PDB file of all heavy atoms in Angstrom:
ATOM      1  N   THR A   1     -23.380  -7.552 -36.617  1.00  0.00           N
ATOM      2  CA  THR A   1     -22.134  -8.191 -36.189  1.00  0.00           C
ATOM      3  C   THR A   1     -22.357  -9.317 -35.260  1.00  0.00           C
ATOM      4  O   THR A   1     -23.139  -9.186 -34.315  1.00  0.00           O
ATOM      5  CB  THR A   1     -21.230  -7.102 -35.573  1.00  0.00           C
ATOM      6  OG1 THR A   1     -21.043  -6.050 -36.508  1.00  0.00           O
ATOM      7  CG2 THR A   1     -19.907  -7.661 -35.204  1.00  0.00           C
ATOM      8  N   VAL A   2     -21.676 -10.407 -35.413  1.00  0.00           N
ATOM      9  CA  VAL A   2     -21.738 -11.474 -34.456  1.00  0.00           C
ATOM     10  C   VAL A   2     -20.669 -11.340 -33.393  1.00  0.00           C
ATOM     11  O   VAL A   2     -19.476 -11.261 -33.648  1.00  0.00           O
ATOM     12  CB  VAL A   2     -21.541 -12.878 -35.155  1.00  0.00           C
ATOM     13  CG1 VAL A   2     -21.631 -14.035 -34.162  1.00  0.00           C
ATOM     14  CG2 VAL A   2     -22.624 -13.049 -36.240  1.00  0.00           C
ATOM     15  N   LEU A   3     -21.129 -11.241 -32.125  1.00  0.00           N
ATOM     16  CA  LEU A   3     -20.202 -11.030 -31.040  1.00  0.00           C
ATOM     17  C   LEU A   3     -19.994 -12.339 -30.302  1.00  0.00           C
ATOM     18  O   LEU A   3     -20.730 -13.286 -30.484  1.00  0.00           O
ATOM     19  CB  LEU A   3     -20.810  -9.998 -30.056  1.00  0.00           C
ATOM     20  CG  LEU A   3     -20.949  -8.598 -30.587  1.00  0.00           C
ATOM     21  CD1 LEU A   3     -21.327  -7.656 -29.371  1.00  0.00           C
ATOM     22  CD2 LEU A   3     -19.664  -8.099 -31.175  1.00  0.00           C
ATOM     23  N   PRO A   4     -18.941 -12.442 -29.474  1.00  0.00           N
ATOM     24  CA  PRO A   4     -18.740 -13.652 -28.669  1.00  0.00           C
ATOM     25  C   PRO A   4     -19.906 -13.947 -27.800  1.00  0.00           C
ATOM     26  O   PRO A   4     -20.630 -13.027 -27.405  1.00  0.00           O
ATOM     27  CB  PRO A   4     -17.485 -13.315 -27.825  1.00  0.00           C
ATOM     28  CG  PRO A   4     -16.766 -12.251 -28.630  1.00  0.00           C
ATOM     29  CD  PRO A   4     -17.863 -11.389 -29.268  1.00  0.00           C
ATOM     30  N   VAL A   5     -20.030 -15.195 -27.405  1.00  0.00           N
ATOM     31  CA  VAL A   5     -21.165 -15.604 -26.558  1.00  0.00           C
ATOM     32  C   VAL A   5     -20.998 -14.999 -25.194  1.00  0.00           C
ATOM     33  O   VAL A   5     -19.925 -14.943 -24.618  1.00  0.00           O
ATOM     34  CB  VAL A   5     -21.130 -17.154 -26.416  1.00  0.00           C
ATOM     35  CG1 VAL A   5     -22.220 -17.580 -25.354  1.00  0.00           C
ATOM     36  CG2 VAL A   5     -21.421 -17.823 -27.773  1.00  0.00           C
ATOM     37  N   LEU A   6     -22.085 -14.371 -24.673  1.00  0.00           N
ATOM     38  CA  LEU A   6     -22.075 -13.856 -23.331  1.00  0.00           C
ATOM     39  C   LEU A   6     -22.012 -15.001 -22.360  1.00  0.00           C
ATOM     40  O   LEU A   6     -22.660 -16.074 -22.519  1.00  0.00           O
ATOM     41  CB  LEU A   6     -23.332 -13.015 -23.086  1.00  0.00           C
ATOM     42  CG  LEU A   6     -23.516 -11.780 -23.915  1.00  0.00           C
ATOM     43  CD1 LEU A   6     -24.841 -11.158 -23.592  1.00  0.00           C
ATOM     44  CD2 LEU A   6     -22.409 -10.804 -23.686  1.00  0.00           C
ATOM     45  N   PRO A   7     -21.235 -14.875 -21.276  1.00  0.00           N
ATOM     46  CA  PRO A   7     -21.076 -15.972 -20.331  1.00  0.00           C
ATOM     47  C   PRO A   7     -22.421 -16.492 -19.738  1.00  0.00           C
ATOM     48  O   PRO A   7     -22.527 -17.686 -19.453  1.00  0.00           O
ATOM     49  CB  PRO A   7     -20.227 -15.353 -19.222  1.00  0.00           C
ATOM     50  CG  PRO A   7     -19.498 -14.288 -19.854  1.00  0.00           C
ATOM     51  CD  PRO A   7     -20.449 -13.724 -20.893  1.00  0.00           C
ATOM     52  N   ASP A   8     -23.389 -15.607 -19.547  1.00  0.00           N
ATOM     53  CA  ASP A   8     -24.651 -16.029 -18.952  1.00  0.00           C
ATOM     54  C   ASP A   8     -25.758 -16.169 -19.929  1.00  0.00           C
ATOM     55  O   ASP A   8     -26.928 -16.174 -19.622  1.00  0.00           O
ATOM     56  CB  ASP A   8     -25.025 -15.064 -17.856  1.00  0.00           C
ATOM     57  CG  ASP A   8     -25.179 -13.617 -18.378  1.00  0.00           C
ATOM     58  OD1 ASP A   8     -24.785 -13.340 -19.558  1.00  0.00           O
ATOM     59  OD2 ASP A   8     -25.717 -12.774 -17.661  1.00  0.00           O
ATOM     60  N   SER A   9     -25.471 -16.300 -21.228  1.00  0.00           N
ATOM     61  CA  SER A   9     -26.469 -16.367 -22.257  1.00  0.00           C
ATOM     62  C   SER A   9     -27.060 -17.799 -22.331  1.00  0.00           C
ATOM     63  O   SER A   9     -26.367 -18.775 -22.146  1.00  0.00           O
ATOM     64  CB  SER A   9     -25.972 -15.976 -23.675  1.00  0.00           C
ATOM     65  OG  SER A   9     -25.708 -14.634 -23.640  1.00  0.00           O
ATOM     66  N   ASP A  10     -28.337 -17.824 -22.602  1.00  0.00           N
ATOM     67  CA  ASP A  10     -29.052 -19.120 -22.754  1.00  0.00           C
ATOM     68  C   ASP A  10     -29.818 -19.048 -24.031  1.00  0.00           C
ATOM     69  O   ASP A  10     -30.819 -18.330 -24.133  1.00  0.00           O
ATOM     70  CB  ASP A  10     -29.985 -19.345 -21.588  1.00  0.00           C
ATOM     71  CG  ASP A  10     -30.765 -20.648 -21.714  1.00  0.00           C
ATOM     72  OD1 ASP A  10     -30.564 -21.365 -22.756  1.00  0.00           O
ATOM     73  OD2 ASP A  10     -31.583 -20.922 -20.806  1.00  0.00           O
ATOM     74  N   PRO A  11     -29.399 -19.720 -25.130  1.00  0.00           N
ATOM     75  CA  PRO A  11     -30.118 -19.622 -26.430  1.00  0.00           C
ATOM     76  C   PRO A  11     -31.597 -19.979 -26.332  1.00  0.00           C
ATOM     77  O   PRO A  11     -32.346 -19.619 -27.211  1.00  0.00           O
ATOM     78  CB  PRO A  11     -29.301 -20.571 -27.265  1.00  0.00           C
ATOM     79  CG  PRO A  11     -27.987 -20.643 -26.648  1.00  0.00           C
ATOM     80  CD  PRO A  11     -28.218 -20.585 -25.193  1.00  0.00           C
ATOM     81  N   SER A  12     -31.977 -20.767 -25.334  1.00  0.00           N
ATOM     82  CA  SER A  12     -33.381 -21.131 -25.209  1.00  0.00           C
ATOM     83  C   SER A  12     -34.185 -20.070 -24.484  1.00  0.00           C
ATOM     84  O   SER A  12     -35.437 -20.254 -24.302  1.00  0.00           O
ATOM     85  CB  SER A  12     -33.486 -22.437 -24.455  1.00  0.00           C
ATOM     86  OG  SER A  12     -33.072 -22.304 -23.114  1.00  0.00           O
ATOM     87  N   GLU A  13     -33.572 -18.998 -24.079  1.00  0.00           N
ATOM     88  CA  GLU A  13     -34.277 -17.981 -23.339  1.00  0.00           C
ATOM     89  C   GLU A  13     -35.445 -17.353 -24.092  1.00  0.00           C
ATOM     90  O   GLU A  13     -35.461 -17.329 -25.291  1.00  0.00           O
ATOM     91  CB  GLU A  13     -33.278 -16.841 -23.058  1.00  0.00           C
ATOM     92  CG  GLU A  13     -33.640 -15.898 -21.916  1.00  0.00           C
ATOM     93  CD  GLU A  13     -32.547 -15.000 -21.636  1.00  0.00           C
ATOM     94  OE1 GLU A  13     -31.333 -15.430 -21.611  1.00  0.00           O
ATOM     95  OE2 GLU A  13     -32.748 -13.782 -21.447  1.00  0.00           O
ATOM     96  N   VAL A  14     -36.419 -16.816 -23.352  1.00  0.00           N
ATOM     97  CA  VAL A  14     -37.602 -16.256 -24.001  1.00  0.00           C
ATOM     98  C   VAL A  14     -37.206 -14.942 -24.732  1.00  0.00           C
ATOM     99  O   VAL A  14     -36.239 -14.313 -24.464  1.00  0.00           O
ATOM    100  CB  VAL A  14     -38.662 -15.934 -22.937  1.00  0.00           C
ATOM    101  CG1 VAL A  14     -39.095 -17.187 -22.269  1.00  0.00           C
ATOM    102  CG2 VAL A  14     -38.184 -14.903 -21.950  1.00  0.00           C
ATOM    103  N   ASP A  15     -38.059 -14.680 -25.702  1.00  0.00           N
ATOM    104  CA  ASP A  15     -37.928 -13.349 -26.443  1.00  0.00           C
ATOM    105  C   ASP A  15     -38.375 -12.248 -25.530  1.00  0.00           C
ATOM    106  O   ASP A  15     -39.577 -12.183 -25.159  1.00  0.00           O
ATOM    107  CB  ASP A  15     -38.791 -13.455 -27.716  1.00  0.00           C
ATOM    108  CG  ASP A  15     -38.735 -12.175 -28.562  1.00  0.00           C
ATOM    109  OD1 ASP A  15     -38.327 -11.090 -28.051  1.00  0.00           O
ATOM    110  OD2 ASP A  15     -39.153 -12.265 -29.709  1.00  0.00           O
ATOM    111  N   GLN A  16     -37.464 -11.387 -25.050  1.00  0.00           N
ATOM    112  CA  GLN A  16     -37.808 -10.399 -24.129  1.00  0.00           C
ATOM    113  C   GLN A  16     -38.869  -9.423 -24.611  1.00  0.00           C
ATOM    114  O   GLN A  16     -39.834  -9.078 -23.893  1.00  0.00           O
ATOM    115  CB  GLN A  16     -36.557  -9.633 -23.659  1.00  0.00           C
ATOM    116  CG  GLN A  16     -35.536 -10.543 -22.890  1.00  0.00           C
ATOM    117  CD  GLN A  16     -34.315  -9.866 -22.458  1.00  0.00           C
ATOM    118  OE1 GLN A  16     -34.034  -8.701 -22.791  1.00  0.00           O
ATOM    119  NE2 GLN A  16     -33.427 -10.565 -21.752  1.00  0.00           N
ATOM    120  N   LEU A  17     -38.683  -8.962 -25.828  1.00  0.00           N
ATOM    121  CA  LEU A  17     -39.630  -7.965 -26.341  1.00  0.00           C
ATOM    122  C   LEU A  17     -41.008  -8.573 -26.482  1.00  0.00           C
ATOM    123  O   LEU A  17     -42.009  -7.928 -26.127  1.00  0.00           O
ATOM    124  CB  LEU A  17     -39.136  -7.427 -27.695  1.00  0.00           C
ATOM    125  CG  LEU A  17     -40.014  -6.372 -28.319  1.00  0.00           C
ATOM    126  CD1 LEU A  17     -40.193  -5.151 -27.407  1.00  0.00           C
ATOM    127  CD2 LEU A  17     -39.424  -5.927 -29.714  1.00  0.00           C
ATOM    128  N   ALA A  18     -41.103  -9.803 -26.953  1.00  0.00           N
ATOM    129  CA  ALA A  18     -42.403 -10.419 -27.082  1.00  0.00           C
ATOM    130  C   ALA A  18     -43.059 -10.535 -25.683  1.00  0.00           C
ATOM    131  O   ALA A  18     -44.287 -10.374 -25.560  1.00  0.00           O
ATOM    132  CB  ALA A  18     -42.274 -11.777 -27.701  1.00  0.00           C
ATOM    133  N   THR A  19     -42.271 -10.848 -24.653  1.00  0.00           N
ATOM    134  CA  THR A  19     -42.777 -11.008 -23.337  1.00  0.00           C
ATOM    135  C   THR A  19     -43.321  -9.611 -22.824  1.00  0.00           C
ATOM    136  O   THR A  19     -44.453  -9.484 -22.241  1.00  0.00           O
ATOM    137  CB  THR A  19     -41.720 -11.488 -22.348  1.00  0.00           C
ATOM    138  OG1 THR A  19     -41.231 -12.757 -22.761  1.00  0.00           O
ATOM    139  CG2 THR A  19     -42.248 -11.613 -20.930  1.00  0.00           C
ATOM    140  N   PHE A  20     -42.591  -8.568 -23.088  1.00  0.00           N
ATOM    141  CA  PHE A  20     -43.046  -7.245 -22.715  1.00  0.00           C
ATOM    142  C   PHE A  20     -44.337  -6.847 -23.418  1.00  0.00           C
ATOM    143  O   PHE A  20     -45.266  -6.312 -22.795  1.00  0.00           O
ATOM    144  CB  PHE A  20     -42.002  -6.167 -22.978  1.00  0.00           C
ATOM    145  CG  PHE A  20     -40.667  -6.414 -22.281  1.00  0.00           C
ATOM    146  CD1 PHE A  20     -39.498  -5.898 -22.891  1.00  0.00           C
ATOM    147  CD2 PHE A  20     -40.559  -7.080 -21.123  1.00  0.00           C
ATOM    148  CE1 PHE A  20     -38.269  -6.113 -22.277  1.00  0.00           C
ATOM    149  CE2 PHE A  20     -39.341  -7.286 -20.481  1.00  0.00           C
ATOM    150  CZ  PHE A  20     -38.217  -6.813 -21.070  1.00  0.00           C
ATOM    151  N   ALA A  21     -44.333  -7.107 -24.683  1.00  0.00           N
ATOM    152  CA  ALA A  21     -45.520  -6.696 -25.492  1.00  0.00           C
ATOM    153  C   ALA A  21     -46.781  -7.442 -25.013  1.00  0.00           C
ATOM    154  O   ALA A  21     -47.866  -6.854 -24.915  1.00  0.00           O
ATOM    155  CB  ALA A  21     -45.247  -7.039 -26.979  1.00  0.00           C
ATOM    156  N   ASP A  22     -46.656  -8.747 -24.683  1.00  0.00           N
ATOM    157  CA  ASP A  22     -47.728  -9.530 -24.164  1.00  0.00           C
ATOM    158  C   ASP A  22     -48.211  -9.024 -22.827  1.00  0.00           C
ATOM    159  O   ASP A  22     -49.383  -8.912 -22.538  1.00  0.00           O
ATOM    160  CB  ASP A  22     -47.333 -11.021 -24.149  1.00  0.00           C
ATOM    161  CG  ASP A  22     -48.487 -11.906 -23.639  1.00  0.00           C
ATOM    162  OD1 ASP A  22     -49.503 -11.963 -24.401  1.00  0.00           O
ATOM    163  OD2 ASP A  22     -48.394 -12.483 -22.600  1.00  0.00           O
ATOM    164  N   ALA A  23     -47.243  -8.707 -21.950  1.00  0.00           N
ATOM    165  CA  ALA A  23     -47.554  -8.313 -20.540  1.00  0.00           C
ATOM    166  C   ALA A  23     -48.315  -6.909 -20.590  1.00  0.00           C
ATOM    167  O   ALA A  23     -49.119  -6.673 -19.761  1.00  0.00           O
ATOM    168  CB  ALA A  23     -46.287  -8.200 -19.723  1.00  0.00           C
ATOM    169  N   LEU A  24     -47.956  -6.072 -21.537  1.00  0.00           N
ATOM    170  CA  LEU A  24     -48.493  -4.707 -21.549  1.00  0.00           C
ATOM    171  C   LEU A  24     -49.668  -4.604 -22.523  1.00  0.00           C
ATOM    172  O   LEU A  24     -50.367  -3.525 -22.561  1.00  0.00           O
ATOM    173  CB  LEU A  24     -47.391  -3.701 -21.906  1.00  0.00           C
ATOM    174  CG  LEU A  24     -46.557  -3.145 -20.771  1.00  0.00           C
ATOM    175  CD1 LEU A  24     -45.738  -4.293 -20.130  1.00  0.00           C
ATOM    176  CD2 LEU A  24     -45.667  -2.050 -21.204  1.00  0.00           C
ATOM    177  N   GLY A  25     -49.847  -5.581 -23.411  1.00  0.00           N
ATOM    178  CA  GLY A  25     -50.901  -5.477 -24.478  1.00  0.00           C
ATOM    179  C   GLY A  25     -50.570  -4.371 -25.463  1.00  0.00           C
ATOM    180  O   GLY A  25     -51.445  -3.690 -25.946  1.00  0.00           O
ATOM    181  N   CYS A  26     -49.261  -4.280 -25.790  1.00  0.00           N
ATOM    182  CA  CYS A  26     -48.822  -3.213 -26.725  1.00  0.00           C
ATOM    183  C   CYS A  26     -48.344  -3.817 -28.057  1.00  0.00           C
ATOM    184  O   CYS A  26     -48.003  -4.980 -28.143  1.00  0.00           O
ATOM    185  CB  CYS A  26     -47.613  -2.540 -26.093  1.00  0.00           C
ATOM    186  SG  CYS A  26     -47.979  -1.376 -24.741  1.00  0.00           S
TER     187      CYS A  26
END
């Protein structure tokens, strides 16, 4: 489902899960 834009969202933001996987080596 497509929800309304969050007020503090930034479409250029990093992929959070990819960042976590890289930081933990998982």
